Protein backbone atom coordinates (compact mmCIF):
# COMPACT_ATOMS: atom_id res chain seq x y z
CA UNK A 1 0.00 0.00 0.00
CA UNK A 2 2.94 2.31 0.53
CA UNK A 3 3.81 2.02 -3.15
CA UNK A 4 0.23 3.00 -4.05
CA UNK A 5 0.44 6.08 -1.82
CA UNK A 6 3.84 7.05 -3.19
CA UNK A 7 2.53 6.82 -6.75
CA UNK A 8 -0.71 8.76 -6.21
CA UNK A 9 0.62 11.44 -3.88
CA UNK A 10 3.77 11.75 -5.99
CA UNK A 11 1.59 12.78 -8.93
CA UNK A 12 -0.11 15.48 -6.83
CA UNK A 13 2.94 17.20 -5.36
CA UNK A 14 5.46 19.46 -7.06
CA UNK A 15 8.46 17.83 -5.36
CA UNK A 16 7.81 14.05 -5.27
CA UNK A 17 11.46 13.30 -4.42
CA UNK A 18 11.00 15.03 -1.06
CA UNK A 19 7.89 13.03 -0.14
CA UNK A 20 8.49 10.81 2.88
CA UNK A 21 6.01 8.06 3.73
CA UNK A 22 6.30 6.17 7.00
CA UNK A 23 3.92 3.86 8.77
CA UNK A 24 3.29 2.66 12.29
CA UNK A 25 1.32 -0.24 13.68
CA UNK A 26 -1.31 0.86 16.21
CA UNK A 27 -2.99 -2.28 17.47
CA UNK A 28 -4.80 -3.84 14.53
CA UNK A 29 -4.47 -0.68 12.40
CA UNK A 30 -1.64 0.57 10.21
CA UNK A 31 -1.33 4.35 10.05
CA UNK A 32 0.57 5.94 7.17
CA UNK A 33 2.19 9.32 7.72
CA UNK A 34 3.03 11.74 4.89
CA UNK A 35 5.76 14.35 5.21
CA UNK A 36 6.21 16.86 2.39
CA UNK A 37 7.10 20.46 1.69
CA UNK A 38 4.69 22.99 3.18
CA UNK A 39 3.93 24.28 -0.33
CA UNK A 40 2.76 20.78 -1.37
CA UNK A 41 0.36 20.21 1.54
CA UNK A 42 -2.56 22.20 0.09
CA UNK A 43 -2.36 20.13 -3.10
CA UNK A 44 -2.71 16.90 -1.14
CA UNK A 45 -5.38 18.21 1.22
CA UNK A 46 -7.44 19.79 -1.54
CA UNK A 47 -10.24 22.31 -1.33
CA UNK A 48 -12.27 21.56 1.77
CA UNK A 49 -10.21 18.42 2.40
CA UNK A 50 -11.76 16.57 -0.53
CA UNK A 51 -8.49 15.23 -1.95
CA UNK A 52 -7.16 13.81 1.31
CA UNK A 53 -10.55 12.27 2.05
CA UNK A 54 -10.58 10.62 -1.39
CA UNK A 55 -7.08 9.24 -0.73
CA UNK A 56 -8.24 7.85 2.62
CA UNK A 57 -11.26 6.23 0.98
CA UNK A 58 -9.13 4.58 -1.72
CA UNK A 59 -6.63 3.36 0.86
CA UNK A 60 -9.36 1.96 3.10
CA UNK A 61 -11.07 0.21 0.18
CA UNK A 62 -7.79 -1.43 -0.79
CA UNK A 63 -7.07 -2.43 2.81
CA UNK A 64 -10.55 -3.84 3.30
CA UNK A 65 -9.94 -6.31 0.47
CA UNK A 66 -6.89 -7.53 2.38
CA UNK A 67 -8.75 -7.61 5.69
CA UNK A 68 -6.73 -4.92 7.41
CA UNK A 69 -7.45 -1.42 8.78
CA UNK A 70 -5.48 1.66 7.73
CA UNK A 71 -5.30 5.37 8.39
CA UNK A 72 -3.62 8.30 6.65
CA UNK A 73 -2.21 11.42 8.31
CA UNK A 74 -0.21 14.40 7.11
CA UNK A 75 2.65 15.49 9.38
CA UNK A 76 3.40 19.22 9.41
């Protein structure tokens, strides 16, 4: 799933080489954390948070097929 996030978010940001994706296990849930340039954050969040919500929905749909739970957070 990290490769999926790297591909999709990499297409949204201006500086994909500076995108850092980490993950942590929190009980039965995997949480992915995105770190990027401050100028790229609005592109990933989108107007009214629509883009980040769509990314979360896609990630959760993919995880549900595998029987796992995931989350997605942006680190400032």
